[in-house]
PDB file of N, CA and C in Angstrom:
ATOM      1  N   MET A   1       1.570 -30.049 -13.486  1.00  0.00           N
ATOM      2  CA  MET A   1       1.824 -30.511 -12.160  1.00  0.00           C
ATOM      3  C   MET A   1       2.183 -31.989 -12.224  1.00  0.00           C
ATOM      4  N   ILE A   2       3.255 -32.355 -11.605  1.00  0.00           N
ATOM      5  CA  ILE A   2       3.726 -33.743 -11.652  1.00  0.00           C
ATOM      6  C   ILE A   2       3.789 -34.306 -10.242  1.00  0.00           C
ATOM      7  N   PHE A   3       3.314 -35.540 -10.113  1.00  0.00           N
ATOM      8  CA  PHE A   3       3.452 -36.271  -8.858  1.00  0.00           C
ATOM      9  C   PHE A   3       4.244 -37.531  -9.153  1.00  0.00           C
ATOM     10  N   LYS A   4       5.286 -37.782  -8.355  1.00  0.00           N
ATOM     11  CA  LYS A   4       6.126 -38.966  -8.527  1.00  0.00           C
ATOM     12  C   LYS A   4       5.746 -39.996  -7.482  1.00  0.00           C
ATOM     13  N   THR A   5       5.402 -41.192  -7.916  1.00  0.00           N
ATOM     14  CA  THR A   5       5.059 -42.269  -6.991  1.00  0.00           C
ATOM     15  C   THR A   5       6.328 -42.989  -6.561  1.00  0.00           C
ATOM     16  N   PRO A   6       6.284 -43.637  -5.397  1.00  0.00           N
ATOM     17  CA  PRO A   6       7.444 -44.434  -4.985  1.00  0.00           C
ATOM     18  C   PRO A   6       7.762 -45.479  -6.058  1.00  0.00           C
ATOM     19  N   HIS A   7       9.028 -45.668  -6.329  1.00  0.00           N
ATOM     20  CA  HIS A   7       9.482 -46.558  -7.396  1.00  0.00           C
ATOM     21  C   HIS A   7       8.912 -47.972  -7.246  1.00  0.00           C
ATOM     22  N   HIS A   8       8.355 -48.481  -8.315  1.00  0.00           N
ATOM     23  CA  HIS A   8       7.837 -49.851  -8.409  1.00  0.00           C
ATOM     24  C   HIS A   8       6.695 -50.153  -7.432  1.00  0.00           C
ATOM     25  N   VAL A   9       5.939 -49.130  -7.049  1.00  0.00           N
ATOM     26  CA  VAL A   9       4.772 -49.337  -6.191  1.00  0.00           C
ATOM     27  C   VAL A   9       3.528 -49.083  -7.030  1.00  0.00           C
ATOM     28  N   LYS A  10       2.599 -50.051  -7.042  1.00  0.00           N
ATOM     29  CA  LYS A  10       1.362 -49.878  -7.799  1.00  0.00           C
ATOM     30  C   LYS A  10       0.398 -49.047  -6.977  1.00  0.00           C
ATOM     31  N   VAL A  11      -0.015 -47.914  -7.541  1.00  0.00           N
ATOM     32  CA  VAL A  11      -0.933 -47.025  -6.843  1.00  0.00           C
ATOM     33  C   VAL A  11      -1.973 -46.507  -7.828  1.00  0.00           C
ATOM     34  N   GLU A  12      -3.039 -45.950  -7.293  1.00  0.00           N
ATOM     35  CA  GLU A  12      -4.059 -45.262  -8.088  1.00  0.00           C
ATOM     36  C   GLU A  12      -3.990 -43.793  -7.698  1.00  0.00           C
ATOM     37  N   ILE A  13      -3.876 -42.921  -8.689  1.00  0.00           N
ATOM     38  CA  ILE A  13      -3.725 -41.489  -8.459  1.00  0.00           C
ATOM     39  C   ILE A  13      -5.034 -40.782  -8.802  1.00  0.00           C
ATOM     40  N   THR A  14      -5.459 -39.860  -7.932  1.00  0.00           N
ATOM     41  CA  THR A  14      -6.633 -39.027  -8.178  1.00  0.00           C
ATOM     42  C   THR A  14      -6.214 -37.572  -8.052  1.00  0.00           C
ATOM     43  N   TRP A  15      -6.543 -36.765  -9.069  1.00  0.00           N
ATOM     44  CA  TRP A  15      -6.286 -35.333  -9.019  1.00  0.00           C
ATOM     45  C   TRP A  15      -7.574 -34.618  -8.648  1.00  0.00           C
ATOM     46  N   VAL A  16      -7.504 -33.741  -7.630  1.00  0.00           N
ATOM     47  CA  VAL A  16      -8.668 -33.023  -7.109  1.00  0.00           C
ATOM     48  C   VAL A  16      -8.371 -31.529  -7.128  1.00  0.00           C
ATOM     49  N   ARG A  17      -9.357 -30.733  -7.558  1.00  0.00           N
ATOM     50  CA  ARG A  17      -9.252 -29.272  -7.466  1.00  0.00           C
ATOM     51  C   ARG A  17      -9.806 -28.867  -6.107  1.00  0.00           C
ATOM     52  N   ARG A  18      -8.977 -28.284  -5.252  1.00  0.00           N
ATOM     53  CA  ARG A  18      -9.354 -27.996  -3.876  1.00  0.00           C
ATOM     54  C   ARG A  18     -10.442 -26.922  -3.749  1.00  0.00           C
ATOM     55  N   ARG A  19     -10.494 -25.982  -4.675  1.00  0.00           N
ATOM     56  CA  ARG A  19     -11.469 -24.886  -4.598  1.00  0.00           C
ATOM     57  C   ARG A  19     -12.886 -25.410  -4.403  1.00  0.00           C
ATOM     58  N   ASP A  20     -13.237 -26.457  -5.140  1.00  0.00           N
ATOM     59  CA  ASP A  20     -14.600 -26.995  -5.074  1.00  0.00           C
ATOM     60  C   ASP A  20     -14.613 -28.509  -4.823  1.00  0.00           C
ATOM     61  N   TRP A  21     -13.443 -29.082  -4.494  1.00  0.00           N
ATOM     62  CA  TRP A  21     -13.289 -30.520  -4.237  1.00  0.00           C
ATOM     63  C   TRP A  21     -13.762 -31.367  -5.424  1.00  0.00           C
ATOM     64  N   HIS A  22     -13.607 -30.830  -6.627  1.00  0.00           N
ATOM     65  CA  HIS A  22     -14.015 -31.551  -7.832  1.00  0.00           C
ATOM     66  C   HIS A  22     -12.948 -32.590  -8.194  1.00  0.00           C
ATOM     67  N   ILE A  23     -13.350 -33.839  -8.330  1.00  0.00           N
ATOM     68  CA  ILE A  23     -12.438 -34.886  -8.794  1.00  0.00           C
ATOM     69  C   ILE A  23     -12.250 -34.685 -10.293  1.00  0.00           C
ATOM     70  N   LEU A  24     -11.022 -34.406 -10.689  1.00  0.00           N
ATOM     71  CA  LEU A  24     -10.722 -34.162 -12.099  1.00  0.00           C
ATOM     72  C   LEU A  24     -10.368 -35.445 -12.822  1.00  0.00           C
ATOM     73  N   THR A  25      -9.514 -36.254 -12.200  1.00  0.00           N
ATOM     74  CA  THR A  25      -9.114 -37.523 -12.797  1.00  0.00           C
ATOM     75  C   THR A  25      -8.942 -38.572 -11.703  1.00  0.00           C
ATOM     76  N   SER A  26      -9.084 -39.816 -12.096  1.00  0.00           N
ATOM     77  CA  SER A  26      -8.774 -40.947 -11.221  1.00  0.00           C
ATOM     78  C   SER A  26      -8.186 -42.024 -12.108  1.00  0.00           C
ATOM     79  N   GLY A  27      -6.962 -42.428 -11.785  1.00  0.00           N
ATOM     80  CA  GLY A  27      -6.267 -43.320 -12.708  1.00  0.00           C
ATOM     81  C   GLY A  27      -6.107 -42.591 -14.030  1.00  0.00           C
ATOM     82  N   MET A  28      -6.437 -43.251 -15.110  1.00  0.00           N
ATOM     83  CA  MET A  28      -6.338 -42.642 -16.436  1.00  0.00           C
ATOM     84  C   MET A  28      -7.657 -42.046 -16.905  1.00  0.00           C
ATOM     85  N   PHE A  29      -8.675 -42.055 -16.056  1.00  0.00           N
ATOM     86  CA  PHE A  29     -10.002 -41.553 -16.434  1.00  0.00           C
ATOM     87  C   PHE A  29     -10.180 -40.103 -16.001  1.00  0.00           C
ATOM     88  N   THR A  30     -10.833 -39.311 -16.857  1.00  0.00           N
ATOM     89  CA  THR A  30     -11.114 -37.902 -16.572  1.00  0.00           C
ATOM     90  C   THR A  30     -12.580 -37.760 -16.195  1.00  0.00           C
ATOM     91  N   TYR A  31     -12.841 -37.034 -15.087  1.00  0.00           N
ATOM     92  CA  TYR A  31     -14.201 -36.871 -14.569  1.00  0.00           C
ATOM     93  C   TYR A  31     -14.631 -35.411 -14.575  1.00  0.00           C
ATOM     94  N   THR A  32     -14.270 -34.702 -15.609  1.00  0.00           N
ATOM     95  CA  THR A  32     -14.727 -33.330 -15.782  1.00  0.00           C
ATOM     96  C   THR A  32     -15.103 -33.149 -17.248  1.00  0.00           C
ATOM     97  N   ASN A  33     -16.090 -32.301 -17.468  1.00  0.00           N
ATOM     98  CA  ASN A  33     -16.499 -32.020 -18.848  1.00  0.00           C
ATOM     99  C   ASN A  33     -15.547 -31.042 -19.527  1.00  0.00           C
ATOM    100  N   ASP A  34     -14.673 -30.427 -18.750  1.00  0.00           N
ATOM    101  CA  ASP A  34     -13.705 -29.471 -19.293  1.00  0.00           C
ATOM    102  C   ASP A  34     -12.575 -30.256 -19.953  1.00  0.00           C
ATOM    103  N   GLU A  35     -12.565 -30.262 -21.269  1.00  0.00           N
ATOM    104  CA  GLU A  35     -11.621 -31.076 -22.035  1.00  0.00           C
ATOM    105  C   GLU A  35     -10.181 -30.576 -21.950  1.00  0.00           C
ATOM    106  N   ARG A  36      -9.954 -29.457 -21.264  1.00  0.00           N
ATOM    107  CA  ARG A  36      -8.589 -28.948 -21.105  1.00  0.00           C
ATOM    108  C   ARG A  36      -7.803 -29.764 -20.095  1.00  0.00           C
ATOM    109  N   PHE A  37      -8.500 -30.522 -19.241  1.00  0.00           N
ATOM    110  CA  PHE A  37      -7.853 -31.315 -18.205  1.00  0.00           C
ATOM    111  C   PHE A  37      -7.636 -32.744 -18.673  1.00  0.00           C
ATOM    112  N   GLN A  38      -6.433 -33.258 -18.424  1.00  0.00           N
ATOM    113  CA  GLN A  38      -6.174 -34.668 -18.687  1.00  0.00           C
ATOM    114  C   GLN A  38      -4.983 -35.119 -17.856  1.00  0.00           C
ATOM    115  N   VAL A  39      -4.919 -36.424 -17.622  1.00  0.00           N
ATOM    116  CA  VAL A  39      -3.798 -36.995 -16.883  1.00  0.00           C
ATOM    117  C   VAL A  39      -2.861 -37.656 -17.885  1.00  0.00           C
ATOM    118  N   LEU A  40      -1.571 -37.494 -17.654  1.00  0.00           N
ATOM    119  CA  LEU A  40      -0.559 -38.121 -18.493  1.00  0.00           C
ATOM    120  C   LEU A  40       0.235 -39.090 -17.634  1.00  0.00           C
ATOM    121  N   HIS A  41       0.343 -40.322 -18.103  1.00  0.00           N
ATOM    122  CA  HIS A  41       1.099 -41.339 -17.373  1.00  0.00           C
ATOM    123  C   HIS A  41       1.514 -42.429 -18.356  1.00  0.00           C
ATOM    124  N   ALA A  42       2.811 -42.623 -18.471  1.00  0.00           N
ATOM    125  CA  ALA A  42       3.329 -43.685 -19.336  1.00  0.00           C
ATOM    126  C   ALA A  42       3.402 -44.981 -18.538  1.00  0.00           C
ATOM    127  N   GLU A  43       3.002 -46.071 -19.146  1.00  0.00           N
ATOM    128  CA  GLU A  43       3.053 -47.391 -18.507  1.00  0.00           C
ATOM    129  C   GLU A  43       4.447 -47.637 -17.940  1.00  0.00           C
ATOM    130  N   GLY A  44       4.511 -48.010 -16.679  1.00  0.00           N
ATOM    131  CA  GLY A  44       5.778 -48.302 -16.032  1.00  0.00           C
ATOM    132  C   GLY A  44       6.481 -47.083 -15.440  1.00  0.00           C
ATOM    133  N   SER A  45       5.947 -45.890 -15.702  1.00  0.00           N
ATOM    134  CA  SER A  45       6.546 -44.665 -15.190  1.00  0.00           C
ATOM    135  C   SER A  45       6.071 -44.397 -13.762  1.00  0.00           C
ATOM    136  N   ASP A  46       6.874 -43.649 -13.010  1.00  0.00           N
ATOM    137  CA  ASP A  46       6.498 -43.227 -11.667  1.00  0.00           C
ATOM    138  C   ASP A  46       5.844 -41.853 -11.682  1.00  0.00           C
ATOM    139  N   ASP A  47       5.769 -41.210 -12.842  1.00  0.00           N
ATOM    140  CA  ASP A  47       5.247 -39.851 -12.960  1.00  0.00           C
ATOM    141  C   ASP A  47       3.783 -39.832 -13.379  1.00  0.00           C
ATOM    142  N   TRP A  48       3.002 -39.028 -12.680  1.00  0.00           N
ATOM    143  CA  TRP A  48       1.593 -38.768 -13.014  1.00  0.00           C
ATOM    144  C   TRP A  48       1.469 -37.260 -13.162  1.00  0.00           C
ATOM    145  N   THR A  49       1.069 -36.797 -14.337  1.00  0.00           N
ATOM    146  CA  THR A  49       1.011 -35.371 -14.629  1.00  0.00           C
ATOM    147  C   THR A  49      -0.425 -34.947 -14.891  1.00  0.00           C
ATOM    148  N   LEU A  50      -0.859 -33.903 -14.188  1.00  0.00           N
ATOM    149  CA  LEU A  50      -2.140 -33.278 -14.504  1.00  0.00           C
ATOM    150  C   LEU A  50      -1.841 -32.171 -15.500  1.00  0.00           C
ATOM    151  N   GLN A  51      -2.387 -32.299 -16.694  1.00  0.00           N
ATOM    152  CA  GLN A  51      -2.166 -31.301 -17.734  1.00  0.00           C
ATOM    153  C   GLN A  51      -3.421 -30.445 -17.870  1.00  0.00           C
ATOM    154  N   ILE A  52      -3.217 -29.127 -17.840  1.00  0.00           N
ATOM    155  CA  ILE A  52      -4.305 -28.185 -18.099  1.00  0.00           C
ATOM    156  C   ILE A  52      -3.912 -27.415 -19.349  1.00  0.00           C
ATOM    157  N   LYS A  53      -4.638 -27.643 -20.415  1.00  0.00           N
ATOM    158  CA  LYS A  53      -4.344 -26.962 -21.675  1.00  0.00           C
ATOM    159  C   LYS A  53      -4.990 -25.572 -21.649  1.00  0.00           C
ATOM    160  N   TYR A  54      -4.335 -24.624 -22.269  1.00  0.00           N
ATOM    161  CA  TYR A  54      -4.868 -23.265 -22.388  1.00  0.00           C
ATOM    162  C   TYR A  54      -5.279 -22.727 -21.018  1.00  0.00           C
ATOM    163  N   VAL A  55      -4.334 -22.684 -20.094  1.00  0.00           N
ATOM    164  CA  VAL A  55      -4.591 -22.256 -18.719  1.00  0.00           C
ATOM    165  C   VAL A  55      -5.217 -20.869 -18.703  1.00  0.00           C
ATOM    166  N   GLN A  56      -6.228 -20.723 -17.842  1.00  0.00           N
ATOM    167  CA  GLN A  56      -6.934 -19.448 -17.688  1.00  0.00           C
ATOM    168  C   GLN A  56      -6.822 -18.971 -16.246  1.00  0.00           C
ATOM    169  N   LYS A  57      -7.098 -17.700 -16.027  1.00  0.00           N
ATOM    170  CA  LYS A  57      -6.998 -17.120 -14.691  1.00  0.00           C
ATOM    171  C   LYS A  57      -7.861 -17.890 -13.687  1.00  0.00           C
ATOM    172  N   ARG A  58      -9.018 -18.365 -14.095  1.00  0.00           N
ATOM    173  CA  ARG A  58      -9.924 -19.093 -13.189  1.00  0.00           C
ATOM    174  C   ARG A  58      -9.364 -20.448 -12.757  1.00  0.00           C
ATOM    175  N   ASP A  59      -8.294 -20.915 -13.416  1.00  0.00           N
ATOM    176  CA  ASP A  59      -7.661 -22.184 -13.038  1.00  0.00           C
ATOM    177  C   ASP A  59      -6.736 -22.022 -11.837  1.00  0.00           C
ATOM    178  N   ASN A  60      -6.521 -20.781 -11.401  1.00  0.00           N
ATOM    179  CA  ASN A  60      -5.650 -20.510 -10.265  1.00  0.00           C
ATOM    180  C   ASN A  60      -6.162 -21.236  -9.012  1.00  0.00           C
ATOM    181  N   GLY A  61      -5.257 -21.780  -8.232  1.00  0.00           N
ATOM    182  CA  GLY A  61      -5.642 -22.438  -6.987  1.00  0.00           C
ATOM    183  C   GLY A  61      -4.795 -23.660  -6.718  1.00  0.00           C
ATOM    184  N   THR A  62      -5.239 -24.424  -5.735  1.00  0.00           N
ATOM    185  CA  THR A  62      -4.514 -25.610  -5.307  1.00  0.00           C
ATOM    186  C   THR A  62      -5.137 -26.853  -5.924  1.00  0.00           C
ATOM    187  N   TYR A  63      -4.281 -27.711  -6.443  1.00  0.00           N
ATOM    188  CA  TYR A  63      -4.692 -29.002  -6.981  1.00  0.00           C
ATOM    189  C   TYR A  63      -4.008 -30.069  -6.139  1.00  0.00           C
ATOM    190  N   GLU A  64      -4.760 -31.062  -5.743  1.00  0.00           N
ATOM    191  CA  GLU A  64      -4.234 -32.095  -4.850  1.00  0.00           C
ATOM    192  C   GLU A  64      -4.157 -33.430  -5.572  1.00  0.00           C
ATOM    193  N   CYS A  65      -3.025 -34.083  -5.399  1.00  0.00           N
ATOM    194  CA  CYS A  65      -2.827 -35.417  -5.937  1.00  0.00           C
ATOM    195  C   CYS A  65      -3.004 -36.404  -4.793  1.00  0.00           C
ATOM    196  N   GLN A  66      -4.018 -37.249  -4.879  1.00  0.00           N
ATOM    197  CA  GLN A  66      -4.277 -38.239  -3.834  1.00  0.00           C
ATOM    198  C   GLN A  66      -3.822 -39.608  -4.323  1.00  0.00           C
ATOM    199  N   VAL A  67      -3.181 -40.327  -3.438  1.00  0.00           N
ATOM    200  CA  VAL A  67      -2.640 -41.640  -3.758  1.00  0.00           C
ATOM    201  C   VAL A  67      -3.406 -42.687  -2.976  1.00  0.00           C
ATOM    202  N   SER A  68      -3.956 -43.671  -3.676  1.00  0.00           N
ATOM    203  CA  SER A  68      -4.668 -44.744  -2.975  1.00  0.00           C
ATOM    204  C   SER A  68      -3.648 -45.768  -2.509  1.00  0.00           C
ATOM    205  N   SER A  69      -3.170 -45.525  -1.333  1.00  0.00           N
ATOM    206  CA  SER A  69      -2.219 -46.422  -0.702  1.00  0.00           C
ATOM    207  C   SER A  69      -2.524 -46.437   0.785  1.00  0.00           C
ATOM    208  N   LYS A  70      -1.910 -47.313   1.501  1.00  0.00           N
ATOM    209  CA  LYS A  70      -2.096 -47.353   2.940  1.00  0.00           C
ATOM    210  C   LYS A  70      -0.744 -47.183   3.583  1.00  0.00           C
ATOM    211  N   PRO A  71      -0.562 -46.195   4.433  1.00  0.00           N
ATOM    212  CA  PRO A  71      -1.546 -45.206   4.858  1.00  0.00           C
ATOM    213  C   PRO A  71      -1.814 -44.168   3.777  1.00  0.00           C
ATOM    214  N   TYR A  72      -2.913 -43.399   3.931  1.00  0.00           N
ATOM    215  CA  TYR A  72      -3.310 -42.353   2.998  1.00  0.00           C
ATOM    216  C   TYR A  72      -2.212 -41.308   2.877  1.00  0.00           C
ATOM    217  N   LYS A  73      -1.902 -40.907   1.636  1.00  0.00           N
ATOM    218  CA  LYS A  73      -0.907 -39.870   1.384  1.00  0.00           C
ATOM    219  C   LYS A  73      -1.483 -38.885   0.395  1.00  0.00           C
ATOM    220  N   ASP A  74      -1.112 -37.630   0.534  1.00  0.00           N
ATOM    221  CA  ASP A  74      -1.484 -36.654  -0.492  1.00  0.00           C
ATOM    222  C   ASP A  74      -0.339 -35.680  -0.713  1.00  0.00           C
ATOM    223  N   ASN A  75      -0.430 -34.947  -1.801  1.00  0.00           N
ATOM    224  CA  ASN A  75       0.599 -33.987  -2.150  1.00  0.00           C
ATOM    225  C   ASN A  75      -0.102 -32.764  -2.703  1.00  0.00           C
ATOM    226  N   LYS A  76      -0.044 -31.661  -1.986  1.00  0.00           N
ATOM    227  CA  LYS A  76      -0.693 -30.425  -2.434  1.00  0.00           C
ATOM    228  C   LYS A  76       0.293 -29.619  -3.265  1.00  0.00           C
ATOM    229  N   LEU A  77      -0.159 -29.157  -4.434  1.00  0.00           N
ATOM    230  CA  LEU A  77       0.710 -28.377  -5.330  1.00  0.00           C
ATOM    231  C   LEU A  77       0.115 -27.004  -5.526  1.00  0.00           C
TER     232      LEU A  77
END
């Protein structure tokens, strides 16, 4: 899942699993014990990718990318 930020805007991205509102990542930090989840972001890039390795049936659902900006914006995938 990829979220593109507005060009040249500094933001903080948080990926949330909607099923249980679990915060998976914030910025470059991962907040889940499940090592299959990680965020990919190259310095200077507008792309923030939530990577789920070895996807399983239980991973099905909605994942939300939250952007710390004003006003609040989100993108449901």
